Amino acid sequence: TQMSSFVKVFSDVRCTEQVEQDKLNKNGKIESSEKSTFDYLV
């Protein structure tokens, strides 16, 4: 039942989405990184 409320409200909002993308080496250390900021809505 909450899914209907979630879909209705989430499609009535906008927000800021910050995305951090990391490429890791075999030891788990970051070797490449990119950060992006978006205006986001569904």
PDB file of all heavy atoms in Angstrom:
ATOM      1  N   THR A   1       0.837  -1.202   0.000  1.00  0.00           N
ATOM      2  CA  THR A   1       0.000   0.000   0.000  1.00  0.00           C
ATOM      3  C   THR A   1       0.869   1.248   0.000  1.00  0.00           C
ATOM      4  O   THR A   1       0.563   2.243  -0.677  1.00  0.00           O
ATOM      5  CB  THR A   1      -0.927   0.000   1.239  1.00  0.00           C
ATOM      6  OG1 THR A   1      -1.798  -1.130   1.162  1.00  0.00           O
ATOM      7  CG2 THR A   1      -1.758   1.275   1.291  1.00  0.00           C
ATOM      8  N   GLN A   2       1.990   1.215   0.741  1.00  0.00           N
ATOM      9  CA  GLN A   2       2.902   2.361   0.778  1.00  0.00           C
ATOM     10  C   GLN A   2       3.532   2.631  -0.580  1.00  0.00           C
ATOM     11  O   GLN A   2       3.936   3.760  -0.865  1.00  0.00           O
ATOM     12  CB  GLN A   2       4.017   2.127   1.803  1.00  0.00           C
ATOM     13  CG  GLN A   2       3.690   2.570   3.213  1.00  0.00           C
ATOM     14  CD  GLN A   2       3.844   4.075   3.385  1.00  0.00           C
ATOM     15  OE1 GLN A   2       3.635   4.848   2.463  1.00  0.00           O
ATOM     16  NE2 GLN A   2       4.214   4.482   4.583  1.00  0.00           N
ATOM     17  N   MET A   3       3.618   1.609  -1.434  1.00  0.00           N
ATOM     18  CA  MET A   3       4.239   1.807  -2.734  1.00  0.00           C
ATOM     19  C   MET A   3       3.489   2.846  -3.558  1.00  0.00           C
ATOM     20  O   MET A   3       4.096   3.653  -4.272  1.00  0.00           O
ATOM     21  CB  MET A   3       4.308   0.484  -3.506  1.00  0.00           C
ATOM     22  CG  MET A   3       5.299  -0.521  -2.959  1.00  0.00           C
ATOM     23  SD  MET A   3       7.010   0.081  -2.863  1.00  0.00           S
ATOM     24  CE  MET A   3       7.097   0.578  -1.128  1.00  0.00           C
ATOM     25  N   SER A   4       2.167   2.864  -3.467  1.00  0.00           N
ATOM     26  CA  SER A   4       1.395   3.869  -4.201  1.00  0.00           C
ATOM     27  C   SER A   4       1.694   5.269  -3.682  1.00  0.00           C
ATOM     28  O   SER A   4       1.855   6.211  -4.470  1.00  0.00           O
ATOM     29  CB  SER A   4      -0.107   3.566  -4.077  1.00  0.00           C
ATOM     30  OG  SER A   4      -0.428   2.373  -4.752  1.00  0.00           O
ATOM     31  N   SER A   5       1.794   5.414  -2.349  1.00  0.00           N
ATOM     32  CA  SER A   5       2.132   6.717  -1.777  1.00  0.00           C
ATOM     33  C   SER A   5       3.540   7.127  -2.170  1.00  0.00           C
ATOM     34  O   SER A   5       3.797   8.287  -2.506  1.00  0.00           O
ATOM     35  CB  SER A   5       2.020   6.670  -0.244  1.00  0.00           C
ATOM     36  OG  SER A   5       0.708   6.374   0.152  1.00  0.00           O
ATOM     37  N   PHE A   6       4.475   6.165  -2.139  1.00  0.00           N
ATOM     38  CA  PHE A   6       5.853   6.473  -2.511  1.00  0.00           C
ATOM     39  C   PHE A   6       5.929   6.974  -3.948  1.00  0.00           C
ATOM     40  O   PHE A   6       6.568   7.991  -4.235  1.00  0.00           O
ATOM     41  CB  PHE A   6       6.727   5.231  -2.344  1.00  0.00           C
ATOM     42  CG  PHE A   6       8.135   5.412  -2.851  1.00  0.00           C
ATOM     43  CD1 PHE A   6       9.111   5.967  -2.039  1.00  0.00           C
ATOM     44  CD2 PHE A   6       8.475   5.045  -4.150  1.00  0.00           C
ATOM     45  CE1 PHE A   6      10.408   6.153  -2.513  1.00  0.00           C
ATOM     46  CE2 PHE A   6       9.763   5.228  -4.632  1.00  0.00           C
ATOM     47  CZ  PHE A   6      10.732   5.783  -3.813  1.00  0.00           C
ATOM     48  N   VAL A   7       5.298   6.257  -4.875  1.00  0.00           N
ATOM     49  CA  VAL A   7       5.361   6.636  -6.293  1.00  0.00           C
ATOM     50  C   VAL A   7       4.754   8.011  -6.492  1.00  0.00           C
ATOM     51  O   VAL A   7       5.307   8.854  -7.212  1.00  0.00           O
ATOM     52  CB  VAL A   7       4.649   5.582  -7.155  1.00  0.00           C
ATOM     53  CG1 VAL A   7       4.484   6.090  -8.588  1.00  0.00           C
ATOM     54  CG2 VAL A   7       5.432   4.280  -7.149  1.00  0.00           C
ATOM     55  N   LYS A   8       3.623   8.273  -5.851  1.00  0.00           N
ATOM     56  CA  LYS A   8       2.960   9.570  -6.023  1.00  0.00           C
ATOM     57  C   LYS A   8       3.834  10.707  -5.507  1.00  0.00           C
ATOM     58  O   LYS A   8       4.036  11.717  -6.198  1.00  0.00           O
ATOM     59  CB  LYS A   8       1.615   9.592  -5.303  1.00  0.00           C
ATOM     60  CG  LYS A   8       0.841  10.897  -5.488  1.00  0.00           C
ATOM     61  CD  LYS A   8      -0.483  10.864  -4.766  1.00  0.00           C
ATOM     62  CE  LYS A   8      -1.282  12.126  -5.062  1.00  0.00           C
ATOM     63  NZ  LYS A   8      -0.555  13.369  -4.786  1.00  0.00           N
ATOM     64  N   VAL A   9       4.372  10.555  -4.290  1.00  0.00           N
ATOM     65  CA  VAL A   9       5.169  11.633  -3.708  1.00  0.00           C
ATOM     66  C   VAL A   9       6.504  11.766  -4.439  1.00  0.00           C
ATOM     67  O   VAL A   9       6.944  12.882  -4.751  1.00  0.00           O
ATOM     68  CB  VAL A   9       5.403  11.389  -2.204  1.00  0.00           C
ATOM     69  CG1 VAL A   9       6.392  12.406  -1.632  1.00  0.00           C
ATOM     70  CG2 VAL A   9       4.083  11.449  -1.448  1.00  0.00           C
ATOM     71  N   PHE A  10       7.155  10.638  -4.743  1.00  0.00           N
ATOM     72  CA  PHE A  10       8.481  10.704  -5.366  1.00  0.00           C
ATOM     73  C   PHE A  10       8.412  11.331  -6.756  1.00  0.00           C
ATOM     74  O   PHE A  10       9.376  11.947  -7.214  1.00  0.00           O
ATOM     75  CB  PHE A  10       9.094   9.312  -5.438  1.00  0.00           C
ATOM     76  CG  PHE A  10      10.586   9.316  -5.637  1.00  0.00           C
ATOM     77  CD1 PHE A  10      11.401  10.191  -4.928  1.00  0.00           C
ATOM     78  CD2 PHE A  10      11.190   8.439  -6.516  1.00  0.00           C
ATOM     79  CE1 PHE A  10      12.779  10.202  -5.109  1.00  0.00           C
ATOM     80  CE2 PHE A  10      12.569   8.442  -6.708  1.00  0.00           C
ATOM     81  CZ  PHE A  10      13.360   9.325  -6.001  1.00  0.00           C
ATOM     82  N   SER A  11       7.271  11.183  -7.441  1.00  0.00           N
ATOM     83  CA  SER A  11       7.129  11.819  -8.750  1.00  0.00           C
ATOM     84  C   SER A  11       6.649  13.261  -8.637  1.00  0.00           C
ATOM     85  O   SER A  11       6.493  13.936  -9.650  1.00  0.00           O
ATOM     86  CB  SER A  11       6.172  11.012  -9.632  1.00  0.00           C
ATOM     87  OG  SER A  11       4.884  10.913  -9.028  1.00  0.00           O
ATOM     88  N   ASP A  12       6.424  13.727  -7.400  1.00  0.00           N
ATOM     89  CA  ASP A  12       6.038  15.124  -7.162  1.00  0.00           C
ATOM     90  C   ASP A  12       7.165  15.916  -6.509  1.00  0.00           C
ATOM     91  O   ASP A  12       6.928  17.004  -5.977  1.00  0.00           O
ATOM     92  CB  ASP A  12       4.800  15.193  -6.249  1.00  0.00           C
ATOM     93  CG  ASP A  12       3.505  14.941  -7.008  1.00  0.00           C
ATOM     94  OD1 ASP A  12       3.541  14.989  -8.252  1.00  0.00           O
ATOM     95  OD2 ASP A  12       2.482  14.683  -6.355  1.00  0.00           O
ATOM     96  N   VAL A  13       8.375  15.372  -6.520  1.00  0.00           N
ATOM     97  CA  VAL A  13       9.499  16.077  -5.906  1.00  0.00           C
ATOM     98  C   VAL A  13      10.662  16.150  -6.885  1.00  0.00           C
ATOM     99  O   VAL A  13      10.732  15.401  -7.860  1.00  0.00           O
ATOM    100  CB  VAL A  13       9.977  15.396  -4.602  1.00  0.00           C
ATOM    101  CG1 VAL A  13       8.864  15.316  -3.573  1.00  0.00           C
ATOM    102  CG2 VAL A  13      10.571  14.021  -4.885  1.00  0.00           C
ATOM    103  N   ARG A  14      11.542  17.072  -6.592  1.00  0.00           N
ATOM    104  CA  ARG A  14      12.839  17.104  -7.255  1.00  0.00           C
ATOM    105  C   ARG A  14      13.886  17.221  -6.167  1.00  0.00           C
ATOM    106  O   ARG A  14      13.597  17.645  -5.041  1.00  0.00           O
ATOM    107  CB  ARG A  14      12.934  18.271  -8.236  1.00  0.00           C
ATOM    108  CG  ARG A  14      12.910  19.643  -7.588  1.00  0.00           C
ATOM    109  CD  ARG A  14      12.694  20.736  -8.631  1.00  0.00           C
ATOM    110  NE  ARG A  14      13.592  20.574  -9.774  1.00  0.00           N
ATOM    111  CZ  ARG A  14      13.371  21.141 -10.957  1.00  0.00           C
ATOM    112  NH1 ARG A  14      12.294  21.889 -11.145  1.00  0.00           N
ATOM    113  NH2 ARG A  14      14.225  20.962 -11.941  1.00  0.00           N
ATOM    114  N   CYS A  15      15.107  16.806  -6.478  1.00  0.00           N
ATOM    115  CA  CYS A  15      16.158  16.849  -5.467  1.00  0.00           C
ATOM    116  C   CYS A  15      17.501  16.990  -6.151  1.00  0.00           C
ATOM    117  O   CYS A  15      17.603  17.031  -7.382  1.00  0.00           O
ATOM    118  CB  CYS A  15      16.116  15.597  -4.586  1.00  0.00           C
ATOM    119  SG  CYS A  15      16.596  14.073  -5.434  1.00  0.00           S
ATOM    120  N   THR A  16      18.547  17.070  -5.335  1.00  0.00           N
ATOM    121  CA  THR A  16      19.917  17.082  -5.841  1.00  0.00           C
ATOM    122  C   THR A  16      20.491  15.682  -5.682  1.00  0.00           C
ATOM    123  O   THR A  16      20.435  15.100  -4.596  1.00  0.00           O
ATOM    124  CB  THR A  16      20.784  18.084  -5.062  1.00  0.00           C
ATOM    125  OG1 THR A  16      20.236  19.399  -5.223  1.00  0.00           O
ATOM    126  CG2 THR A  16      22.216  18.064  -5.572  1.00  0.00           C
ATOM    127  N   GLU A  17      21.009  15.152  -6.768  1.00  0.00           N
ATOM    128  CA  GLU A  17      21.675  13.853  -6.724  1.00  0.00           C
ATOM    129  C   GLU A  17      23.171  14.066  -6.945  1.00  0.00           C
ATOM    130  O   GLU A  17      23.583  14.641  -7.950  1.00  0.00           O
ATOM    131  CB  GLU A  17      21.137  12.914  -7.805  1.00  0.00           C
ATOM    132  CG  GLU A  17      21.815  11.545  -7.782  1.00  0.00           C
ATOM    133  CD  GLU A  17      21.448  10.684  -8.979  1.00  0.00           C
ATOM    134  OE1 GLU A  17      21.018  11.241 -10.008  1.00  0.00           O
ATOM    135  OE2 GLU A  17      21.608   9.463  -8.888  1.00  0.00           O
ATOM    136  N   GLN A  18      23.965  13.618  -5.986  1.00  0.00           N
ATOM    137  CA  GLN A  18      25.420  13.650  -6.120  1.00  0.00           C
ATOM    138  C   GLN A  18      25.915  12.226  -6.326  1.00  0.00           C
ATOM    139  O   GLN A  18      25.576  11.324  -5.544  1.00  0.00           O
ATOM    140  CB  GLN A  18      26.059  14.266  -4.873  1.00  0.00           C
ATOM    141  CG  GLN A  18      25.684  15.727  -4.670  1.00  0.00           C
ATOM    142  CD  GLN A  18      26.216  16.283  -3.361  1.00  0.00           C
ATOM    143  OE1 GLN A  18      26.062  15.656  -2.325  1.00  0.00           O
ATOM    144  NE2 GLN A  18      26.840  17.440  -3.416  1.00  0.00           N
ATOM    145  N   VAL A  19      26.687  12.013  -7.374  1.00  0.00           N
ATOM    146  CA  VAL A  19      27.157  10.680  -7.728  1.00  0.00           C
ATOM    147  C   VAL A  19      28.680  10.665  -7.708  1.00  0.00           C
ATOM    148  O   VAL A  19      29.320  11.483  -8.366  1.00  0.00           O
ATOM    149  CB  VAL A  19      26.661  10.250  -9.121  1.00  0.00           C
ATOM    150  CG1 VAL A  19      27.112   8.812  -9.420  1.00  0.00           C
ATOM    151  CG2 VAL A  19      25.145  10.362  -9.219  1.00  0.00           C
ATOM    152  N   GLU A  20      29.241   9.744  -6.938  1.00  0.00           N
ATOM    153  CA  GLU A  20      30.682   9.535  -6.914  1.00  0.00           C
ATOM    154  C   GLU A  20      30.991   8.179  -7.528  1.00  0.00           C
ATOM    155  O   GLU A  20      30.557   7.144  -7.016  1.00  0.00           O
ATOM    156  CB  GLU A  20      31.223   9.606  -5.485  1.00  0.00           C
ATOM    157  CG  GLU A  20      32.733   9.449  -5.412  1.00  0.00           C
ATOM    158  CD  GLU A  20      33.296   9.694  -4.027  1.00  0.00           C
ATOM    159  OE1 GLU A  20      32.554  10.218  -3.173  1.00  0.00           O
ATOM    160  OE2 GLU A  20      34.474   9.356  -3.804  1.00  0.00           O
ATOM    161  N   GLN A  21      31.699   8.180  -8.644  1.00  0.00           N
ATOM    162  CA  GLN A  21      32.053   6.958  -9.355  1.00  0.00           C
ATOM    163  C   GLN A  21      33.536   6.672  -9.133  1.00  0.00           C
ATOM    164  O   GLN A  21      34.383   7.510  -9.449  1.00  0.00           O
ATOM    165  CB  GLN A  21      31.778   7.115 -10.857  1.00  0.00           C
ATOM    166  CG  GLN A  21      30.323   7.394 -11.187  1.00  0.00           C
ATOM    167  CD  GLN A  21      30.182   7.913 -12.612  1.00  0.00           C
ATOM    168  OE1 GLN A  21      30.337   9.111 -12.846  1.00  0.00           O
ATOM    169  NE2 GLN A  21      29.890   7.031 -13.556  1.00  0.00           N
ATOM    170  N   ASP A  22      33.828   5.499  -8.605  1.00  0.00           N
ATOM    171  CA  ASP A  22      35.212   5.117  -8.325  1.00  0.00           C
ATOM    172  C   ASP A  22      35.567   3.846  -9.074  1.00  0.00           C
ATOM    173  O   ASP A  22      34.790   2.879  -9.102  1.00  0.00           O
ATOM    174  CB  ASP A  22      35.425   4.870  -6.827  1.00  0.00           C
ATOM    175  CG  ASP A  22      35.276   6.130  -6.001  1.00  0.00           C
ATOM    176  OD1 ASP A  22      35.600   7.215  -6.514  1.00  0.00           O
ATOM    177  OD2 ASP A  22      34.825   6.024  -4.841  1.00  0.00           O
ATOM    178  N   LYS A  23      36.749   3.858  -9.672  1.00  0.00           N
ATOM    179  CA  LYS A  23      37.343   2.656 -10.249  1.00  0.00           C
ATOM    180  C   LYS A  23      38.431   2.223  -9.272  1.00  0.00           C
ATOM    181  O   LYS A  23      39.318   3.005  -8.919  1.00  0.00           O
ATOM    182  CB  LYS A  23      37.959   2.975 -11.612  1.00  0.00           C
ATOM    183  CG  LYS A  23      38.756   1.837 -12.229  1.00  0.00           C
ATOM    184  CD  LYS A  23      37.851   0.726 -12.710  1.00  0.00           C
ATOM    185  CE  LYS A  23      38.641  -0.289 -13.548  1.00  0.00           C
ATOM    186  NZ  LYS A  23      39.765  -0.899 -12.820  1.00  0.00           N
ATOM    187  N   LEU A  24      38.350   0.961  -8.791  1.00  0.00           N
ATOM    188  CA  LEU A  24      39.248   0.474  -7.753  1.00  0.00           C
ATOM    189  C   LEU A  24      40.255  -0.513  -8.331  1.00  0.00           C
ATOM    190  O   LEU A  24      39.959  -1.246  -9.280  1.00  0.00           O
ATOM    191  CB  LEU A  24      38.445  -0.213  -6.640  1.00  0.00           C
ATOM    192  CG  LEU A  24      37.271   0.593  -6.054  1.00  0.00           C
ATOM    193  CD1 LEU A  24      36.532  -0.241  -5.030  1.00  0.00           C
ATOM    194  CD2 LEU A  24      37.751   1.893  -5.450  1.00  0.00           C
ATOM    195  N   ASN A  25      41.452  -0.545  -7.728  1.00  0.00           N
ATOM    196  CA  ASN A  25      42.436  -1.530  -8.161  1.00  0.00           C
ATOM    197  C   ASN A  25      42.229  -2.825  -7.381  1.00  0.00           C
ATOM    198  O   ASN A  25      41.326  -2.946  -6.550  1.00  0.00           O
ATOM    199  CB  ASN A  25      43.860  -0.984  -8.017  1.00  0.00           C
ATOM    200  CG  ASN A  25      44.221  -0.671  -6.567  1.00  0.00           C
ATOM    201  OD1 ASN A  25      43.651  -1.218  -5.618  1.00  0.00           O
ATOM    202  ND2 ASN A  25      45.196   0.217  -6.384  1.00  0.00           N
ATOM    203  N   LYS A  26      43.101  -3.796  -7.600  1.00  0.00           N
ATOM    204  CA  LYS A  26      42.920  -5.107  -6.988  1.00  0.00           C
ATOM    205  C   LYS A  26      43.068  -5.077  -5.477  1.00  0.00           C
ATOM    206  O   LYS A  26      42.639  -6.001  -4.779  1.00  0.00           O
ATOM    207  CB  LYS A  26      43.909  -6.109  -7.596  1.00  0.00           C
ATOM    208  CG  LYS A  26      45.373  -5.763  -7.356  1.00  0.00           C
ATOM    209  CD  LYS A  26      46.280  -6.794  -8.003  1.00  0.00           C
ATOM    210  CE  LYS A  26      47.758  -6.464  -7.759  1.00  0.00           C
ATOM    211  NZ  LYS A  26      48.651  -7.479  -8.408  1.00  0.00           N
ATOM    212  N   ASN A  27      43.667  -4.019  -4.950  1.00  0.00           N
ATOM    213  CA  ASN A  27      43.811  -3.863  -3.501  1.00  0.00           C
ATOM    214  C   ASN A  27      42.693  -3.028  -2.888  1.00  0.00           C
ATOM    215  O   ASN A  27      42.716  -2.718  -1.702  1.00  0.00           O
ATOM    216  CB  ASN A  27      45.162  -3.229  -3.181  1.00  0.00           C
ATOM    217  CG  ASN A  27      46.325  -4.099  -3.617  1.00  0.00           C
ATOM    218  OD1 ASN A  27      46.295  -5.310  -3.428  1.00  0.00           O
ATOM    219  ND2 ASN A  27      47.350  -3.482  -4.201  1.00  0.00           N
ATOM    220  N   GLY A  28      41.715  -2.641  -3.712  1.00  0.00           N
ATOM    221  CA  GLY A  28      40.597  -1.849  -3.225  1.00  0.00           C
ATOM    222  C   GLY A  28      40.884  -0.372  -3.120  1.00  0.00           C
ATOM    223  O   GLY A  28      40.069   0.379  -2.569  1.00  0.00           O
ATOM    224  N   LYS A  29      42.011   0.088  -3.636  1.00  0.00           N
ATOM    225  CA  LYS A  29      42.358   1.509  -3.616  1.00  0.00           C
ATOM    226  C   LYS A  29      41.802   2.205  -4.861  1.00  0.00           C
ATOM    227  O   LYS A  29      41.760   1.621  -5.948  1.00  0.00           O
ATOM    228  CB  LYS A  29      43.878   1.691  -3.567  1.00  0.00           C
ATOM    229  CG  LYS A  29      44.541   1.078  -2.344  1.00  0.00           C
ATOM    230  CD  LYS A  29      44.153   1.825  -1.079  1.00  0.00           C
ATOM    231  CE  LYS A  29      44.887   1.269   0.137  1.00  0.00           C
ATOM    232  NZ  LYS A  29      46.342   1.466   0.066  1.00  0.00           N
ATOM    233  N   ILE A  30      41.384   3.462  -4.703  1.00  0.00           N
ATOM    234  CA  ILE A  30      40.809   4.224  -5.810  1.00  0.00           C
ATOM    235  C   ILE A  30      41.915   4.616  -6.779  1.00  0.00           C
ATOM    236  O   ILE A  30      42.913   5.236  -6.394  1.00  0.00           O
ATOM    237  CB  ILE A  30      40.085   5.477  -5.292  1.00  0.00           C
ATOM    238  CG1 ILE A  30      38.893   5.082  -4.415  1.00  0.00           C
ATOM    239  CG2 ILE A  30      39.609   6.347  -6.463  1.00  0.00           C
ATOM    240  CD1 ILE A  30      38.214   6.266  -3.733  1.00  0.00           C
ATOM    241  N   GLU A  31      41.740   4.253  -8.038  1.00  0.00           N
ATOM    242  CA  GLU A  31      42.702   4.655  -9.061  1.00  0.00           C
ATOM    243  C   GLU A  31      42.110   5.666 -10.038  1.00  0.00           C
ATOM    244  O   GLU A  31      42.850   6.390 -10.697  1.00  0.00           O
ATOM    245  CB  GLU A  31      43.228   3.442  -9.821  1.00  0.00           C
ATOM    246  CG  GLU A  31      42.200   2.628 -10.558  1.00  0.00           C
ATOM    247  CD  GLU A  31      42.808   1.423 -11.248  1.00  0.00           C
ATOM    248  OE1 GLU A  31      43.773   0.844 -10.716  1.00  0.00           O
ATOM    249  OE2 GLU A  31      42.311   1.057 -12.331  1.00  0.00           O
ATOM    250  N   SER A  32      40.775   5.730 -10.145  1.00  0.00           N
ATOM    251  CA  SER A  32      40.107   6.748 -10.956  1.00  0.00           C
ATOM    252  C   SER A  32      38.823   7.144 -10.256  1.00  0.00           C
ATOM    253  O   SER A  32      38.165   6.320  -9.608  1.00  0.00           O
ATOM    254  CB  SER A  32      39.783   6.229 -12.359  1.00  0.00           C
ATOM    255  OG  SER A  32      40.953   5.877 -13.054  1.00  0.00           O
ATOM    256  N   SER A  33      38.451   8.425 -10.380  1.00  0.00           N
ATOM    257  CA  SER A  33      37.265   8.900  -9.685  1.00  0.00           C
ATOM    258  C   SER A  33      36.615  10.032 -10.476  1.00  0.00           C
ATOM    259  O   SER A  33      37.304  10.819 -11.132  1.00  0.00           O
ATOM    260  CB  SER A  33      37.631   9.394  -8.274  1.00  0.00           C
ATOM    261  OG  SER A  33      36.494   9.855  -7.586  1.00  0.00           O
ATOM    262  N   GLU A  34      35.300  10.069 -10.408  1.00  0.00           N
ATOM    263  CA  GLU A  34      34.559  11.173 -11.020  1.00  0.00           C
ATOM    264  C   GLU A  34      33.371  11.507 -10.139  1.00  0.00           C
ATOM    265  O   GLU A  34      32.660  10.601  -9.679  1.00  0.00           O
ATOM    266  CB  GLU A  34      34.085  10.797 -12.432  1.00  0.00           C
ATOM    267  CG  GLU A  34      33.323  11.910 -13.139  1.00  0.00           C
ATOM    268  CD  GLU A  34      33.024  11.564 -14.591  1.00  0.00           C
ATOM    269  OE1 GLU A  34      33.932  11.045 -15.281  1.00  0.00           O
ATOM    270  OE2 GLU A  34      31.882  11.787 -15.032  1.00  0.00           O
ATOM    271  N   LYS A  35      33.151  12.783  -9.892  1.00  0.00           N
ATOM    272  CA  LYS A  35      32.010  13.234  -9.085  1.00  0.00           C
ATOM    273  C   LYS A  35      31.128  14.129  -9.933  1.00  0.00           C
ATOM    274  O   LYS A  35      31.623  15.031 -10.610  1.00  0.00           O
ATOM    275  CB  LYS A  35      32.486  13.981  -7.840  1.00  0.00           C
ATOM    276  CG  LYS A  35      33.301  13.126  -6.878  1.00  0.00           C
ATOM    277  CD  LYS A  35      33.728  13.925  -5.651  1.00  0.00           C
ATOM    278  CE  LYS A  35      34.548  13.066  -4.711  1.00  0.00           C
ATOM    279  NZ  LYS A  35      34.985  13.817  -3.506  1.00  0.00           N
ATOM    280  N   SER A  36      29.825  13.872  -9.871  1.00  0.00           N
ATOM    281  CA  SER A  36      28.867  14.643 -10.655  1.00  0.00           C
ATOM    282  C   SER A  36      27.696  15.056  -9.780  1.00  0.00           C
ATOM    283  O   SER A  36      27.347  14.363  -8.813  1.00  0.00           O
ATOM    284  CB  SER A  36      28.342  13.816 -11.843  1.00  0.00           C
ATOM    285  OG  SER A  36      29.395  13.338 -12.648  1.00  0.00           O
ATOM    286  N   THR A  37      27.092  16.195 -10.126  1.00  0.00           N
ATOM    287  CA  THR A  37      25.912  16.685  -9.428  1.00  0.00           C
ATOM    288  C   THR A  37      24.805  16.918 -10.443  1.00  0.00           C
ATOM    289  O   THR A  37      25.036  17.495 -11.510  1.00  0.00           O
ATOM    290  CB  THR A  37      26.216  17.991  -8.676  1.00  0.00           C
ATOM    291  OG1 THR A  37      27.285  17.760  -7.745  1.00  0.00           O
ATOM    292  CG2 THR A  37      24.992  18.491  -7.916  1.00  0.00           C
ATOM    293  N   PHE A  38      23.593  16.461 -10.100  1.00  0.00           N
ATOM    294  CA  PHE A  38      22.466  16.550 -11.016  1.00  0.00           C
ATOM    295  C   PHE A  38      21.257  17.145 -10.311  1.00  0.00           C
ATOM    296  O   PHE A  38      21.072  16.953  -9.100  1.00  0.00           O
ATOM    297  CB  PHE A  38      22.054  15.163 -11.529  1.00  0.00           C
ATOM    298  CG  PHE A  38      23.141  14.390 -12.223  1.00  0.00           C
ATOM    299  CD1 PHE A  38      23.988  13.566 -11.494  1.00  0.00           C
ATOM    300  CD2 PHE A  38      23.312  14.473 -13.593  1.00  0.00           C
ATOM    301  CE1 PHE A  38      24.986  12.833 -12.119  1.00  0.00           C
ATOM    302  CE2 PHE A  38      24.308  13.742 -14.229  1.00  0.00           C
ATOM    303  CZ  PHE A  38      25.142  12.926 -13.500  1.00  0.00           C
ATOM    304  N   ASP A  39      20.422  17.854 -11.061  1.00  0.00           N
ATOM    305  CA  ASP A  39      19.034  18.058 -10.672  1.00  0.00           C
ATOM    306  C   ASP A  39      18.298  16.791 -11.068  1.00  0.00           C
ATOM    307  O   ASP A  39      18.362  16.352 -12.222  1.00  0.00           O
ATOM    308  CB  ASP A  39      18.428  19.260 -11.403  1.00  0.00           C
ATOM    309  CG  ASP A  39      18.849  20.575 -10.796  1.00  0.00           C
ATOM    310  OD1 ASP A  39      19.278  20.575  -9.631  1.00  0.00           O
ATOM    311  OD2 ASP A  39      18.760  21.604 -11.480  1.00  0.00           O
ATOM    312  N   TYR A  40      17.591  16.199 -10.115  1.00  0.00           N
ATOM    313  CA  TYR A  40      17.037  14.858 -10.317  1.00  0.00           C
ATOM    314  C   TYR A  40      15.539  14.852 -10.052  1.00  0.00           C
ATOM    315  O   TYR A  40      15.054  15.436  -9.080  1.00  0.00           O
ATOM    316  CB  TYR A  40      17.737  13.889  -9.360  1.00  0.00           C
ATOM    317  CG  TYR A  40      17.201  12.477  -9.342  1.00  0.00           C
ATOM    318  CD1 TYR A  40      17.747  11.488 -10.153  1.00  0.00           C
ATOM    319  CD2 TYR A  40      16.157  12.119  -8.488  1.00  0.00           C
ATOM    320  CE1 TYR A  40      17.274  10.183 -10.125  1.00  0.00           C
ATOM    321  CE2 TYR A  40      15.665  10.820  -8.453  1.00  0.00           C
ATOM    322  CZ  TYR A  40      16.229   9.861  -9.279  1.00  0.00           C
ATOM    323  OH  TYR A  40      15.750   8.570  -9.244  1.00  0.00           O
ATOM    324  N   LEU A  41      14.803  14.182 -10.915  1.00  0.00           N
ATOM    325  CA  LEU A  41      13.389  13.917 -10.663  1.00  0.00           C
ATOM    326  C   LEU A  41      12.983  12.650 -11.388  1.00  0.00           C
ATOM    327  O   LEU A  41      13.650  12.191 -12.313  1.00  0.00           O
ATOM    328  CB  LEU A  41      12.503  15.100 -11.052  1.00  0.00           C
ATOM    329  CG  LEU A  41      12.487  15.584 -12.501  1.00  0.00           C
ATOM    330  CD1 LEU A  41      11.489  14.796 -13.344  1.00  0.00           C
ATOM    331  CD2 LEU A  41      12.130  17.074 -12.559  1.00  0.00           C
ATOM    332  N   VAL A  42      11.860  12.084 -10.952  1.00  0.00           N
ATOM    333  CA  VAL A  42      11.327  10.859 -11.542  1.00  0.00           C
ATOM    334  C   VAL A  42       9.947  11.149 -12.106  1.00  0.00           C
ATOM    335  O   VAL A  42       9.118  11.786 -11.454  1.00  0.00           O
ATOM    336  CB  VAL A  42      11.248   9.726 -10.494  1.00  0.00           C
ATOM    337  CG1 VAL A  42      10.395   8.573 -11.000  1.00  0.00           C
ATOM    338  CG2 VAL A  42      12.646   9.229 -10.160  1.00  0.00           C
TER     339      VAL A  42
END
